[in-house]
N, C-alpha and C. Protein backbone atom coordinates (compact mmCIF):
# COMPACT_ATOMS: atom_id res chain seq x y z
N MET A 1 -4.90 75.56 -21.01
CA MET A 1 -3.45 75.52 -20.98
C MET A 1 -3.00 75.50 -19.52
N LYS A 2 -2.02 74.67 -19.21
CA LYS A 2 -1.48 74.58 -17.85
C LYS A 2 -0.25 75.46 -17.72
N TYR A 3 -0.12 76.11 -16.56
CA TYR A 3 1.02 76.98 -16.30
C TYR A 3 1.79 76.55 -15.06
N ASN A 4 1.11 76.41 -13.94
CA ASN A 4 1.73 76.04 -12.67
C ASN A 4 2.96 76.89 -12.37
N LYS A 5 2.76 78.22 -12.41
CA LYS A 5 3.86 79.13 -12.12
C LYS A 5 3.32 80.37 -11.42
N LEU A 6 4.20 81.06 -10.76
CA LEU A 6 3.87 82.31 -10.10
C LEU A 6 3.56 83.37 -11.15
N VAL A 7 2.47 84.10 -10.95
CA VAL A 7 2.10 85.16 -11.88
C VAL A 7 1.84 86.44 -11.11
N ARG A 8 1.84 87.55 -11.83
CA ARG A 8 1.58 88.85 -11.22
C ARG A 8 0.16 88.89 -10.64
N ASP A 9 -0.03 89.77 -9.67
CA ASP A 9 -1.26 89.83 -8.89
C ASP A 9 -2.54 90.06 -9.70
N LYS A 10 -2.47 90.75 -10.80
CA LYS A 10 -3.67 91.07 -11.56
C LYS A 10 -3.97 90.10 -12.71
N ILE A 11 -3.14 89.08 -12.86
CA ILE A 11 -3.30 88.15 -13.98
C ILE A 11 -4.64 87.41 -13.92
N VAL A 12 -5.06 86.99 -12.74
CA VAL A 12 -6.34 86.27 -12.62
C VAL A 12 -7.49 87.15 -13.12
N ASP A 13 -7.49 88.42 -12.75
CA ASP A 13 -8.53 89.35 -13.21
C ASP A 13 -8.45 89.56 -14.72
N ILE A 14 -7.24 89.62 -15.24
CA ILE A 14 -7.06 89.79 -16.69
C ILE A 14 -7.59 88.57 -17.45
N VAL A 15 -7.33 87.39 -16.92
CA VAL A 15 -7.82 86.16 -17.55
C VAL A 15 -9.35 86.15 -17.54
N ARG A 16 -9.94 86.52 -16.42
CA ARG A 16 -11.41 86.58 -16.32
C ARG A 16 -11.99 87.59 -17.30
N ALA A 17 -11.34 88.76 -17.40
CA ALA A 17 -11.82 89.81 -18.30
C ALA A 17 -11.76 89.36 -19.75
N ASP A 18 -10.89 88.38 -20.01
CA ASP A 18 -10.75 87.83 -21.36
C ASP A 18 -11.78 86.73 -21.62
N GLY A 19 -12.69 86.51 -20.64
CA GLY A 19 -13.75 85.52 -20.79
C GLY A 19 -13.33 84.10 -20.51
N LYS A 20 -12.20 83.92 -19.85
CA LYS A 20 -11.70 82.59 -19.54
C LYS A 20 -11.85 82.33 -18.04
N VAL A 21 -11.69 81.08 -17.65
CA VAL A 21 -11.84 80.69 -16.25
C VAL A 21 -10.49 80.25 -15.69
N PRO A 22 -9.90 81.05 -14.80
CA PRO A 22 -8.61 80.67 -14.22
C PRO A 22 -8.78 79.69 -13.07
N ASN A 23 -7.91 78.72 -13.01
CA ASN A 23 -7.83 77.82 -11.87
C ASN A 23 -6.53 78.18 -11.17
N TYR A 24 -6.62 78.68 -9.93
CA TYR A 24 -5.44 79.17 -9.24
C TYR A 24 -5.55 78.88 -7.75
N ARG A 25 -4.46 79.09 -7.05
CA ARG A 25 -4.42 78.95 -5.59
C ARG A 25 -3.42 79.95 -5.04
N ILE A 26 -3.47 80.13 -3.75
CA ILE A 26 -2.54 81.01 -3.06
C ILE A 26 -1.47 80.15 -2.39
N ALA A 27 -0.22 80.44 -2.68
CA ALA A 27 0.89 79.66 -2.12
C ALA A 27 1.11 79.99 -0.65
N ASP A 28 1.55 78.99 0.11
CA ASP A 28 2.03 79.28 1.46
C ASP A 28 3.46 79.81 1.34
N ASP A 29 4.04 80.25 2.44
CA ASP A 29 5.35 80.88 2.38
C ASP A 29 6.44 79.97 1.83
N ASP A 30 6.43 78.69 2.22
CA ASP A 30 7.46 77.77 1.74
C ASP A 30 7.37 77.60 0.22
N GLU A 31 6.16 77.43 -0.27
CA GLU A 31 5.96 77.26 -1.70
C GLU A 31 6.27 78.56 -2.45
N PHE A 32 5.84 79.69 -1.88
CA PHE A 32 6.09 80.98 -2.50
C PHE A 32 7.58 81.23 -2.70
N GLU A 33 8.37 80.87 -1.70
CA GLU A 33 9.82 81.04 -1.80
C GLU A 33 10.38 80.26 -2.99
N ILE A 34 9.94 79.03 -3.15
CA ILE A 34 10.39 78.19 -4.27
C ILE A 34 9.98 78.82 -5.60
N TYR A 35 8.72 79.23 -5.68
CA TYR A 35 8.21 79.80 -6.93
C TYR A 35 8.85 81.14 -7.26
N LEU A 36 9.20 81.93 -6.24
CA LEU A 36 9.91 83.18 -6.48
C LEU A 36 11.27 82.92 -7.13
N LYS A 37 11.98 81.93 -6.60
CA LYS A 37 13.29 81.59 -7.16
C LYS A 37 13.16 81.09 -8.59
N GLU A 38 12.13 80.26 -8.84
CA GLU A 38 11.90 79.78 -10.20
C GLU A 38 11.55 80.94 -11.13
N LYS A 39 10.76 81.90 -10.64
CA LYS A 39 10.36 83.05 -11.44
C LYS A 39 11.57 83.90 -11.79
N LEU A 40 12.49 84.06 -10.85
CA LEU A 40 13.70 84.82 -11.14
C LEU A 40 14.50 84.16 -12.26
N LEU A 41 14.65 82.85 -12.20
CA LEU A 41 15.36 82.13 -13.26
C LEU A 41 14.62 82.24 -14.59
N GLU A 42 13.29 82.14 -14.55
CA GLU A 42 12.49 82.27 -15.77
C GLU A 42 12.69 83.64 -16.41
N GLU A 43 12.58 84.68 -15.59
CA GLU A 43 12.71 86.04 -16.12
C GLU A 43 14.12 86.32 -16.62
N ALA A 44 15.12 85.80 -15.91
CA ALA A 44 16.50 85.97 -16.36
C ALA A 44 16.70 85.27 -17.70
N GLY A 45 16.13 84.08 -17.85
CA GLY A 45 16.23 83.36 -19.11
C GLY A 45 15.58 84.13 -20.25
N GLU A 46 14.43 84.72 -19.98
CA GLU A 46 13.76 85.53 -21.00
C GLU A 46 14.60 86.74 -21.39
N PHE A 47 15.26 87.34 -20.38
CA PHE A 47 16.12 88.47 -20.68
C PHE A 47 17.32 88.04 -21.53
N PHE A 48 17.91 86.89 -21.21
CA PHE A 48 19.04 86.39 -21.99
C PHE A 48 18.63 86.14 -23.44
N GLU A 49 17.42 85.63 -23.64
CA GLU A 49 16.91 85.36 -24.98
C GLU A 49 16.62 86.63 -25.76
N SER A 50 16.11 87.64 -25.04
CA SER A 50 15.69 88.87 -25.72
C SER A 50 15.88 90.07 -24.79
N PRO A 51 17.11 90.57 -24.67
CA PRO A 51 17.37 91.70 -23.76
C PRO A 51 16.50 92.91 -24.11
N SER A 52 15.78 93.41 -23.12
CA SER A 52 14.94 94.58 -23.32
C SER A 52 14.62 95.20 -21.97
N THR A 53 14.15 96.43 -22.02
CA THR A 53 13.75 97.09 -20.78
C THR A 53 12.56 96.38 -20.15
N LEU A 54 11.66 95.83 -20.95
CA LEU A 54 10.50 95.12 -20.41
C LEU A 54 10.93 93.86 -19.65
N GLU A 55 11.86 93.11 -20.22
CA GLU A 55 12.33 91.90 -19.54
C GLU A 55 13.12 92.25 -18.27
N MET A 56 13.91 93.33 -18.33
CA MET A 56 14.64 93.75 -17.14
C MET A 56 13.67 94.23 -16.06
N ALA A 57 12.59 94.89 -16.46
CA ALA A 57 11.58 95.34 -15.50
C ALA A 57 10.96 94.14 -14.78
N ASP A 58 10.76 93.03 -15.50
CA ASP A 58 10.24 91.82 -14.86
C ASP A 58 11.22 91.29 -13.82
N ILE A 59 12.50 91.32 -14.14
CA ILE A 59 13.51 90.88 -13.17
C ILE A 59 13.47 91.78 -11.94
N PHE A 60 13.40 93.08 -12.15
CA PHE A 60 13.33 94.01 -11.01
C PHE A 60 12.10 93.73 -10.15
N GLU A 61 10.98 93.42 -10.78
CA GLU A 61 9.75 93.14 -10.03
C GLU A 61 9.92 91.91 -9.14
N VAL A 62 10.54 90.87 -9.69
CA VAL A 62 10.77 89.65 -8.91
C VAL A 62 11.76 89.94 -7.78
N LEU A 63 12.82 90.67 -8.07
CA LEU A 63 13.79 91.01 -7.02
C LEU A 63 13.12 91.82 -5.90
N GLY A 64 12.25 92.74 -6.27
CA GLY A 64 11.52 93.51 -5.26
C GLY A 64 10.65 92.62 -4.39
N ALA A 65 9.99 91.65 -5.01
CA ALA A 65 9.17 90.71 -4.26
C ALA A 65 10.03 89.86 -3.32
N MET A 66 11.23 89.49 -3.77
CA MET A 66 12.14 88.71 -2.93
C MET A 66 12.64 89.54 -1.75
N ILE A 67 12.94 90.80 -2.01
CA ILE A 67 13.37 91.69 -0.92
C ILE A 67 12.28 91.76 0.14
N ASP A 68 11.04 91.93 -0.30
CA ASP A 68 9.92 91.98 0.64
C ASP A 68 9.73 90.65 1.37
N PHE A 69 9.78 89.54 0.62
CA PHE A 69 9.56 88.22 1.21
C PHE A 69 10.55 87.92 2.32
N TYR A 70 11.81 88.25 2.08
CA TYR A 70 12.85 87.96 3.07
C TYR A 70 12.94 89.04 4.15
N GLY A 71 12.06 90.02 4.09
CA GLY A 71 12.03 91.05 5.13
C GLY A 71 13.22 92.00 5.07
N LEU A 72 13.76 92.17 3.89
CA LEU A 72 14.89 93.07 3.73
C LEU A 72 14.36 94.48 3.47
N ASP A 73 15.21 95.45 3.66
CA ASP A 73 14.84 96.84 3.44
C ASP A 73 15.39 97.26 2.08
N HIS A 74 14.51 97.77 1.22
CA HIS A 74 14.93 98.18 -0.12
C HIS A 74 16.08 99.19 -0.06
N TYR A 75 15.96 100.15 0.84
CA TYR A 75 17.00 101.18 0.96
C TYR A 75 18.33 100.56 1.38
N VAL A 76 18.29 99.63 2.32
CA VAL A 76 19.52 98.99 2.79
C VAL A 76 20.16 98.17 1.66
N VAL A 77 19.34 97.47 0.88
CA VAL A 77 19.87 96.70 -0.25
C VAL A 77 20.56 97.63 -1.24
N GLU A 78 19.90 98.74 -1.57
CA GLU A 78 20.50 99.70 -2.50
C GLU A 78 21.78 100.31 -1.93
N THR A 79 21.79 100.57 -0.63
CA THR A 79 22.98 101.11 0.02
C THR A 79 24.12 100.11 -0.03
N GLU A 80 23.81 98.84 0.24
CA GLU A 80 24.84 97.79 0.17
C GLU A 80 25.38 97.66 -1.25
N GLN A 81 24.50 97.78 -2.23
CA GLN A 81 24.93 97.73 -3.62
C GLN A 81 25.90 98.86 -3.91
N THR A 82 25.56 100.06 -3.48
CA THR A 82 26.42 101.23 -3.69
C THR A 82 27.75 101.07 -2.98
N ASN A 83 27.70 100.60 -1.72
CA ASN A 83 28.93 100.40 -0.95
C ASN A 83 29.84 99.37 -1.61
N LYS A 84 29.25 98.28 -2.06
CA LYS A 84 30.05 97.23 -2.69
C LYS A 84 30.67 97.74 -3.99
N ARG A 85 29.91 98.52 -4.74
CA ARG A 85 30.44 99.10 -5.97
C ARG A 85 31.61 100.02 -5.64
N TRP A 86 31.48 100.80 -4.59
CA TRP A 86 32.54 101.74 -4.18
C TRP A 86 33.80 100.98 -3.74
N GLU A 87 33.60 99.91 -2.95
CA GLU A 87 34.73 99.16 -2.40
C GLU A 87 35.38 98.21 -3.41
N ARG A 88 34.57 97.54 -4.22
CA ARG A 88 35.08 96.48 -5.11
C ARG A 88 34.87 96.76 -6.59
N GLY A 89 34.15 97.84 -6.88
CA GLY A 89 33.88 98.20 -8.27
C GLY A 89 32.59 97.58 -8.77
N GLY A 90 32.25 97.96 -9.97
CA GLY A 90 31.07 97.40 -10.62
C GLY A 90 31.53 96.41 -11.68
N PHE A 91 30.87 96.42 -12.80
CA PHE A 91 31.23 95.53 -13.90
C PHE A 91 31.42 96.31 -15.20
N THR A 92 31.63 97.61 -15.09
CA THR A 92 31.70 98.46 -16.28
C THR A 92 32.97 98.24 -17.11
N LYS A 93 34.04 97.77 -16.50
CA LYS A 93 35.30 97.59 -17.22
C LYS A 93 35.39 96.25 -17.95
N LYS A 94 34.39 95.39 -17.77
CA LYS A 94 34.29 94.11 -18.50
C LYS A 94 35.47 93.18 -18.23
N ILE A 95 36.02 93.21 -17.04
CA ILE A 95 37.20 92.41 -16.69
C ILE A 95 36.81 90.94 -16.51
N ILE A 96 37.55 90.06 -17.17
CA ILE A 96 37.39 88.62 -17.01
C ILE A 96 38.65 88.11 -16.33
N LEU A 97 38.55 87.67 -15.09
CA LEU A 97 39.68 87.11 -14.36
C LEU A 97 39.82 85.65 -14.75
N GLU A 98 40.89 85.32 -15.43
CA GLU A 98 41.09 83.96 -15.93
C GLU A 98 41.84 83.07 -14.97
N GLU A 99 42.76 83.64 -14.21
CA GLU A 99 43.58 82.80 -13.34
C GLU A 99 44.30 83.69 -12.35
N VAL A 100 44.60 83.13 -11.18
CA VAL A 100 45.44 83.81 -10.19
C VAL A 100 46.51 82.82 -9.76
N LYS A 101 47.78 83.22 -9.87
CA LYS A 101 48.89 82.33 -9.51
C LYS A 101 49.56 82.86 -8.23
N GLU A 102 50.07 81.95 -7.47
CA GLU A 102 50.83 82.32 -6.28
C GLU A 102 52.17 82.87 -6.70
N LYS A 103 52.73 83.78 -5.93
CA LYS A 103 54.04 84.35 -6.25
C LYS A 103 55.13 83.36 -5.90
């Protein structure tokens, strides 16, 4: 079966332990960036199809990898998230802005 997608670090070992032969390669940074973005969309799509803690955990894992790839600081990202929530709110009130008219 062909996959041609980014997989978790231990998948190759899991495939081997299952008695199968994985064909894989290590991406360079340019390719890794593309595959990370594709993986985020894939995981988000899976969550949309079947919302669960497991699917959300996959999204968090990809986001963590993206934070690391771009050289961001996890603490700073979380702080920015908190600050933005404080300044502009979160999404708990379920507000849908339909239109803004000039006075």
